[in-house]
Amino acid sequence: MLWFVFRDPAKRAEMGQALSHASPAWLLAGIFCYGLTEVLSGIRWQLLLRVQGISLSWTRVFLLTLVGVFFNFFIPGGTGGDVVKIFYLLKETPGQRSLALLSVLVDRIAGVLGLALLAAGLIAARWSWLTSVPETERYVWPAIIIFVFTVGGIHFSWVITRRGLVHKLPPRFPGRDKLAELARAYTLYGRAWGASLLAIAISIAAHVSFFGVFYCAARALAHDDLRLPTFGELSTIMPVVNVLSAMPVSLGGLGVREGLFQVFLSQLCGVREAVAVLISSTGYFLTFFWGLVGGVVYLFYRPSEHARLREIRSEVATLEHAVAEEEVAMEIAREEKP
């Protein structure tokens, strides 16, 4: 995808010309917007940690958040950094490992629900515009299907949790451990519905701030009569771009995001293709700045010796299975109780 969008020499020359006029002030604003996104993410996670009585300093929360950002850039998909974040969180909370694990899971669910709610409102409000050309409509429908299946899956897991049916699933049922994890999370966080709703509200604010990164990237390239997208146009496009570029087919969505920006901005906003690609790449590198900060944090973050990614995945998977088995055992005990 990167080769496809950058293969044209004329397009590369146009990108270079646009980049030569880039405004440092708007680039700094974009860096600030993504920093605000991660600050909001840290506040949301701290809120969920405190609901379960886990005491972790704000400094540690933000440092772990940045470590997660760093690994998100190098592990395919949009949640690769969560595994590493969980691993080091477990080192910080040795007596509350299960609760710490579930806080990250609920943090991710709050983020997904926040994006789904925001996407539903934005897409519905500008549906005619978003699907006005076949080139964009072909991408809108897959994004909607992914949103529906994701939210539907969350709802399905909640239903079987409410009915105590997880333990009736065969041990080899695909996703049984994850469903059991979700059941435990719903049980714990369902009692704190106020905090859970606040976490979703914070997620919406964080996503809007993330959209602002790419708006700042666009504004940084403004010169002469160059056509650029408005914040409203970008905000409508971004949920579709985010959900499709989060598919585990590239590192940090590279290539996929550029291709989608090229299609949507050129077809719907009249932005030249080269500029559309450059907006995407500039926005990516504004976020990558914080990934580099997270990499530096990781180098100096020493709750324990650094482990190989394979060992990190193994330890987290072992704990996830243990939490799932604990939830299954609790369901069986409740069913057998006279």
Protein backbone atom coordinates (compact mmCIF):
# COMPACT_ATOMS: atom_id res chain seq x y z
CA MET A 1 0.00 0.00 0.00
CA LEU A 2 2.83 2.41 0.78
CA TRP A 3 4.42 1.66 -2.59
CA PHE A 4 1.06 2.16 -4.30
CA VAL A 5 0.38 5.61 -2.84
CA PHE A 6 3.97 6.87 -3.19
CA ARG A 7 4.88 5.25 -6.53
CA ASP A 8 4.13 8.31 -8.75
CA PRO A 9 7.16 10.69 -9.03
CA ALA A 10 4.89 13.64 -9.82
CA LYS A 11 2.84 12.94 -6.72
CA ARG A 12 6.00 12.73 -4.59
CA ALA A 13 7.17 16.07 -6.00
CA GLU A 14 3.80 17.64 -5.15
CA MET A 15 4.07 16.26 -1.62
CA GLY A 16 7.53 17.73 -1.25
CA GLN A 17 6.31 21.15 -2.37
CA ALA A 18 3.36 21.05 0.05
CA LEU A 19 5.59 19.89 2.90
CA SER A 20 8.04 22.73 2.26
CA HIS A 21 5.28 25.19 3.25
CA ALA A 22 4.30 23.29 6.42
CA SER A 23 3.52 25.46 9.43
CA PRO A 24 5.58 24.51 12.52
CA ALA A 25 2.88 25.99 14.78
CA TRP A 26 0.19 23.66 13.40
CA LEU A 27 2.57 20.69 13.60
CA LEU A 28 3.19 21.46 17.27
CA ALA A 29 -0.58 21.76 17.76
CA GLY A 30 -0.96 18.28 16.27
CA ILE A 31 1.64 16.88 18.66
CA PHE A 32 -0.24 18.55 21.53
CA CYS A 33 -3.56 17.04 20.36
CA TYR A 34 -2.17 13.52 20.42
CA GLY A 35 -0.57 14.15 23.78
CA LEU A 36 -4.01 15.23 25.03
CA THR A 37 -5.47 12.02 23.57
CA GLU A 38 -3.12 9.91 25.64
CA VAL A 39 -3.62 12.06 28.76
CA LEU A 40 -7.36 11.41 28.47
CA SER A 41 -6.65 7.71 27.96
CA GLY A 42 -4.53 7.71 31.12
CA ILE A 43 -7.29 9.47 33.10
CA ARG A 44 -9.82 6.88 31.89
CA TRP A 45 -7.56 3.99 32.88
CA GLN A 46 -6.79 5.50 36.29
CA LEU A 47 -10.54 5.84 36.87
CA LEU A 48 -11.07 2.16 36.08
CA LEU A 49 -8.13 1.09 38.25
CA ARG A 50 -9.44 3.02 41.25
CA VAL A 51 -12.91 1.48 40.88
CA GLN A 52 -11.26 -1.82 41.83
CA GLY A 53 -9.17 -0.32 44.60
CA ILE A 54 -5.89 -0.51 42.68
CA SER A 55 -3.58 2.26 43.80
CA LEU A 56 -1.14 3.30 41.10
CA SER A 57 0.41 6.75 40.89
CA TRP A 58 -0.53 9.07 38.04
CA THR A 59 3.09 9.01 36.93
CA ARG A 60 3.10 5.22 36.59
CA VAL A 61 -0.25 5.26 34.78
CA PHE A 62 0.96 7.75 32.17
CA LEU A 63 4.33 6.01 31.76
CA LEU A 64 2.61 2.67 31.13
CA THR A 65 0.22 4.39 28.72
CA LEU A 66 3.17 5.72 26.71
CA VAL A 67 4.83 2.29 26.70
CA GLY A 68 1.61 0.91 25.21
CA VAL A 69 1.66 3.65 22.56
CA PHE A 70 5.21 2.69 21.59
CA PHE A 71 4.34 -0.98 21.06
CA ASN A 72 1.14 -0.15 19.17
CA PHE A 73 3.36 1.15 16.37
CA PHE A 74 5.27 -2.10 16.01
CA ILE A 75 2.68 -4.82 16.65
CA PRO A 76 0.03 -5.31 13.92
CA GLY A 77 -3.48 -4.24 14.91
CA GLY A 78 -4.59 -1.48 17.24
CA THR A 79 -4.30 -3.30 20.58
CA GLY A 80 -0.81 -4.84 20.50
CA GLY A 81 0.46 -2.41 23.11
CA ASP A 82 -2.16 -3.60 25.59
CA VAL A 83 -0.37 -6.91 26.08
CA VAL A 84 2.88 -5.17 27.02
CA LYS A 85 1.00 -2.67 29.20
CA ILE A 86 -0.71 -5.53 31.04
CA PHE A 87 2.60 -7.33 31.57
CA TYR A 88 4.25 -4.38 33.30
CA LEU A 89 1.09 -3.47 35.18
CA LEU A 90 1.14 -6.97 36.69
CA LYS A 91 4.64 -6.27 38.02
CA GLU A 92 3.30 -3.14 39.70
CA THR A 93 0.29 -4.89 41.29
CA PRO A 94 1.46 -8.35 42.37
CA GLY A 95 -1.44 -8.88 44.78
CA GLN A 96 -4.14 -7.67 42.40
CA ARG A 97 -3.15 -9.30 39.13
CA SER A 98 -6.64 -10.37 38.06
CA LEU A 99 -8.17 -6.97 38.74
CA ALA A 100 -5.29 -5.24 36.94
CA LEU A 101 -5.81 -7.43 33.88
CA LEU A 102 -9.54 -6.70 33.80
CA SER A 103 -8.97 -2.93 34.10
CA VAL A 104 -7.12 -2.96 30.77
CA LEU A 105 -9.84 -5.07 29.17
CA VAL A 106 -12.59 -2.68 30.31
CA ASP A 107 -10.43 0.28 29.28
CA ARG A 108 -10.33 -1.16 25.76
CA ILE A 109 -14.09 -1.81 25.75
CA ALA A 110 -14.76 1.78 26.83
CA GLY A 111 -12.58 3.00 23.96
CA VAL A 112 -14.41 0.84 21.42
CA LEU A 113 -17.86 1.87 22.66
CA GLY A 114 -16.84 5.52 22.67
CA LEU A 115 -15.70 5.29 19.04
CA ALA A 116 -18.81 3.33 18.04
CA LEU A 117 -21.14 5.95 19.57
CA LEU A 118 -19.20 8.80 17.99
CA ALA A 119 -19.11 7.03 14.62
CA ALA A 120 -22.84 6.30 14.71
CA GLY A 121 -23.68 9.96 15.26
CA LEU A 122 -21.24 11.33 12.69
CA ILE A 123 -22.00 8.78 9.96
CA ALA A 124 -25.76 9.11 10.41
CA ALA A 125 -25.56 12.90 10.28
CA ARG A 126 -23.58 12.93 7.02
CA TRP A 127 -24.62 9.61 5.46
CA SER A 128 -25.60 11.06 2.07
CA TRP A 129 -22.29 12.89 1.75
CA LEU A 130 -20.20 9.94 2.94
CA THR A 131 -21.78 7.51 0.46
CA SER A 132 -22.24 9.96 -2.40
CA VAL A 133 -19.65 8.21 -4.60
CA PRO A 134 -19.13 4.45 -5.11
CA GLU A 135 -15.40 4.72 -4.32
CA THR A 136 -16.10 5.73 -0.72
CA GLU A 137 -19.30 3.74 -0.20
CA ARG A 138 -17.40 0.49 -0.75
CA TYR A 139 -15.34 1.25 2.37
CA VAL A 140 -18.12 2.65 4.53
CA TRP A 141 -20.12 -0.57 4.57
CA PRO A 142 -17.23 -2.83 5.73
CA ALA A 143 -16.50 -0.33 8.53
CA ILE A 144 -20.15 -0.37 9.61
CA ILE A 145 -20.18 -4.18 9.55
CA ILE A 146 -17.08 -4.27 11.76
CA PHE A 147 -18.65 -1.80 14.19
CA VAL A 148 -21.90 -3.81 14.31
CA PHE A 149 -20.13 -7.12 14.88
CA THR A 150 -17.86 -5.61 17.54
CA VAL A 151 -20.67 -3.96 19.49
CA GLY A 152 -22.87 -7.01 18.89
CA GLY A 153 -20.12 -9.23 20.29
CA ILE A 154 -19.87 -7.06 23.40
CA HIS A 155 -23.66 -7.25 23.82
CA PHE A 156 -23.65 -11.04 23.28
CA SER A 157 -20.96 -11.48 25.93
CA TRP A 158 -23.03 -9.34 28.32
CA VAL A 159 -26.16 -11.42 27.70
CA ILE A 160 -24.49 -14.77 28.37
CA THR A 161 -22.86 -13.23 31.42
CA ARG A 162 -26.18 -12.06 32.83
CA ARG A 163 -27.58 -15.57 32.33
CA GLY A 164 -24.50 -17.32 33.72
CA LEU A 165 -23.97 -19.39 30.59
CA VAL A 166 -20.21 -19.16 30.09
CA HIS A 167 -19.54 -22.37 32.02
CA LYS A 168 -21.90 -24.26 29.70
CA LEU A 169 -19.68 -23.57 26.70
CA PRO A 170 -17.37 -26.46 25.67
CA PRO A 171 -13.79 -26.01 26.98
CA ARG A 172 -12.50 -25.80 23.40
CA PHE A 173 -15.15 -23.31 22.28
CA PRO A 174 -13.39 -20.51 20.31
CA GLY A 175 -13.04 -17.41 22.48
CA ARG A 176 -14.33 -19.14 25.64
CA ASP A 177 -11.55 -17.70 27.79
CA LYS A 178 -12.18 -14.19 26.47
CA LEU A 179 -15.92 -14.52 27.11
CA ALA A 180 -15.23 -15.68 30.65
CA GLU A 181 -12.89 -12.70 31.13
CA LEU A 182 -15.61 -10.36 29.93
CA ALA A 183 -18.09 -12.02 32.28
CA ARG A 184 -15.81 -11.31 35.22
CA ALA A 185 -15.25 -7.74 34.06
CA TYR A 186 -18.98 -7.06 33.70
CA THR A 187 -19.60 -8.43 37.17
CA LEU A 188 -16.97 -6.16 38.71
CA TYR A 189 -17.57 -2.98 36.72
CA GLY A 190 -21.33 -3.35 36.39
CA ARG A 191 -21.58 -2.34 40.02
CA ALA A 192 -19.80 0.92 39.19
CA TRP A 193 -21.94 1.94 36.23
CA GLY A 194 -21.36 5.64 36.89
CA ALA A 195 -17.60 5.28 36.51
CA SER A 196 -18.09 3.03 33.47
CA LEU A 197 -20.28 5.63 31.74
CA LEU A 198 -17.76 8.34 32.58
CA ALA A 199 -15.02 6.17 31.01
CA ILE A 200 -17.03 6.00 27.77
CA ALA A 201 -17.54 9.78 27.82
CA ILE A 202 -13.79 10.29 28.28
CA SER A 203 -13.22 7.93 25.35
CA ILE A 204 -15.38 10.09 23.09
CA ALA A 205 -13.34 13.16 24.06
CA ALA A 206 -10.10 11.25 23.41
CA HIS A 207 -11.26 10.23 19.92
CA VAL A 208 -12.21 13.81 19.06
CA SER A 209 -8.76 14.92 20.19
CA PHE A 210 -7.23 12.23 17.97
CA PHE A 211 -9.21 13.53 14.99
CA GLY A 212 -7.71 16.91 15.81
CA VAL A 213 -4.22 15.52 15.12
CA PHE A 214 -5.04 15.01 11.44
CA TYR A 215 -6.89 18.31 11.20
CA CYS A 216 -3.74 20.05 12.48
CA ALA A 217 -1.72 18.07 9.94
CA ALA A 218 -4.03 19.37 7.20
CA ARG A 219 -3.88 22.97 8.45
CA ALA A 220 -0.09 22.78 8.60
CA LEU A 221 -0.04 22.28 4.82
CA ALA A 222 -2.32 25.25 4.05
CA HIS A 223 -1.01 27.69 1.45
CA ASP A 224 -2.41 29.71 -1.45
CA ASP A 225 -5.73 28.24 -2.61
CA LEU A 226 -4.99 24.64 -1.64
CA ARG A 227 -8.25 22.79 -0.85
CA LEU A 228 -8.17 21.19 2.60
CA PRO A 229 -10.83 19.25 4.57
CA THR A 230 -12.77 20.94 7.35
CA PHE A 231 -12.74 19.50 10.86
CA GLY A 232 -16.31 18.25 10.35
CA GLU A 233 -15.36 16.44 7.14
CA LEU A 234 -12.30 14.85 8.72
CA SER A 235 -14.25 13.82 11.83
CA THR A 236 -16.82 12.04 9.68
CA ILE A 237 -14.17 10.17 7.73
CA MET A 238 -11.89 9.29 10.66
CA PRO A 239 -14.04 6.58 12.33
CA VAL A 240 -14.15 4.66 9.05
CA VAL A 241 -10.41 5.11 8.52
CA ASN A 242 -9.60 4.17 12.12
CA VAL A 243 -11.56 0.94 12.19
CA LEU A 244 -10.23 -0.27 8.82
CA SER A 245 -6.61 0.70 9.48
CA ALA A 246 -6.78 -1.07 12.88
CA MET A 247 -7.14 -4.41 11.11
CA PRO A 248 -3.96 -6.47 11.74
CA VAL A 249 -2.61 -6.21 8.20
CA SER A 250 0.09 -3.57 8.72
CA LEU A 251 2.21 -1.94 11.40
CA GLY A 252 0.41 1.03 12.91
CA GLY A 253 -2.00 1.10 9.94
CA LEU A 254 0.77 2.28 7.60
CA GLY A 255 -0.23 2.14 3.97
CA VAL A 256 -3.86 1.31 4.70
CA ARG A 257 -4.50 4.72 6.26
CA GLU A 258 -2.76 6.55 3.41
CA GLY A 259 -4.81 4.66 0.83
CA LEU A 260 -8.07 5.44 2.59
CA PHE A 261 -7.22 9.12 3.04
CA GLN A 262 -6.40 9.34 -0.65
CA VAL A 263 -9.80 7.91 -1.62
CA PHE A 264 -11.99 9.78 0.88
CA LEU A 265 -10.36 13.21 0.77
CA SER A 266 -9.97 13.28 -3.00
CA GLN A 267 -13.43 11.95 -3.79
CA LEU A 268 -15.45 13.78 -1.11
CA CYS A 269 -13.47 16.92 -0.27
CA GLY A 270 -11.77 17.76 -3.56
CA VAL A 271 -8.31 17.47 -1.99
CA ARG A 272 -5.54 16.58 -4.40
CA GLU A 273 -4.44 12.96 -3.97
CA ALA A 274 -0.85 13.86 -3.13
CA VAL A 275 -1.98 16.28 -0.43
CA ALA A 276 -4.48 13.73 0.96
CA VAL A 277 -1.70 11.15 1.35
CA LEU A 278 0.58 13.74 2.90
CA ILE A 279 -2.09 14.70 5.47
CA SER A 280 -2.30 11.05 6.51
CA SER A 281 1.47 10.56 6.72
CA THR A 282 1.99 13.86 8.58
CA GLY A 283 -0.71 12.94 11.09
CA TYR A 284 0.91 9.54 11.55
CA PHE A 285 4.32 11.04 12.30
CA LEU A 286 2.79 13.52 14.74
CA THR A 287 1.47 10.53 16.71
CA PHE A 288 4.73 8.65 16.18
CA PHE A 289 6.49 11.42 18.12
CA TRP A 290 4.70 10.16 21.24
CA GLY A 291 5.56 6.60 20.25
CA LEU A 292 9.23 7.60 20.36
CA VAL A 293 8.68 9.19 23.76
CA GLY A 294 7.12 5.90 24.84
CA GLY A 295 10.17 4.04 23.53
CA VAL A 296 12.47 6.19 25.67
CA VAL A 297 10.19 5.58 28.67
CA TYR A 298 10.36 1.85 28.00
CA LEU A 299 14.16 1.89 27.98
CA PHE A 300 14.23 3.45 31.45
CA TYR A 301 11.12 1.81 32.86
CA ARG A 302 12.44 -0.85 35.23
CA PRO A 303 9.82 -2.47 37.44
CA SER A 304 11.59 -5.67 36.43
CA GLU A 305 14.00 -6.82 33.78
CA HIS A 306 12.67 -6.39 30.27
CA ALA A 307 11.29 -9.60 28.77
CA ARG A 308 10.99 -10.87 25.24
CA LEU A 309 7.66 -10.28 23.53
CA ARG A 310 7.09 -14.05 23.37
CA GLU A 311 7.49 -14.31 27.16
CA ILE A 312 5.21 -11.30 27.68
CA ARG A 313 2.48 -12.85 25.54
CA SER A 314 2.85 -16.20 27.32
CA GLU A 315 2.58 -14.76 30.83
CA VAL A 316 -0.43 -12.60 29.96
CA ALA A 317 -2.15 -15.53 28.20
CA THR A 318 -1.56 -17.74 31.25
CA LEU A 319 -3.15 -15.17 33.54
CA GLU A 320 -6.08 -14.65 31.16
CA HIS A 321 -6.74 -18.41 31.20
CA ALA A 322 -6.54 -18.48 35.01
CA VAL A 323 -9.03 -15.60 35.31
CA ALA A 324 -11.36 -17.35 32.85
CA GLU A 325 -11.23 -20.64 34.78
CA GLU A 326 -11.89 -18.78 38.02
CA GLU A 327 -15.01 -17.19 36.53
CA VAL A 328 -16.23 -20.57 35.21
CA ALA A 329 -15.73 -22.12 38.65
CA MET A 330 -17.69 -19.28 40.27
CA GLU A 331 -20.58 -19.75 37.82
CA ILE A 332 -20.71 -23.49 38.53
CA ALA A 333 -20.70 -22.81 42.29
CA ARG A 334 -23.57 -20.33 41.92
CA GLU A 335 -25.59 -22.80 39.86
CA GLU A 336 -25.07 -25.62 42.36
CA LYS A 337 -25.92 -23.43 45.35
CA PRO A 338 -29.36 -24.47 46.73
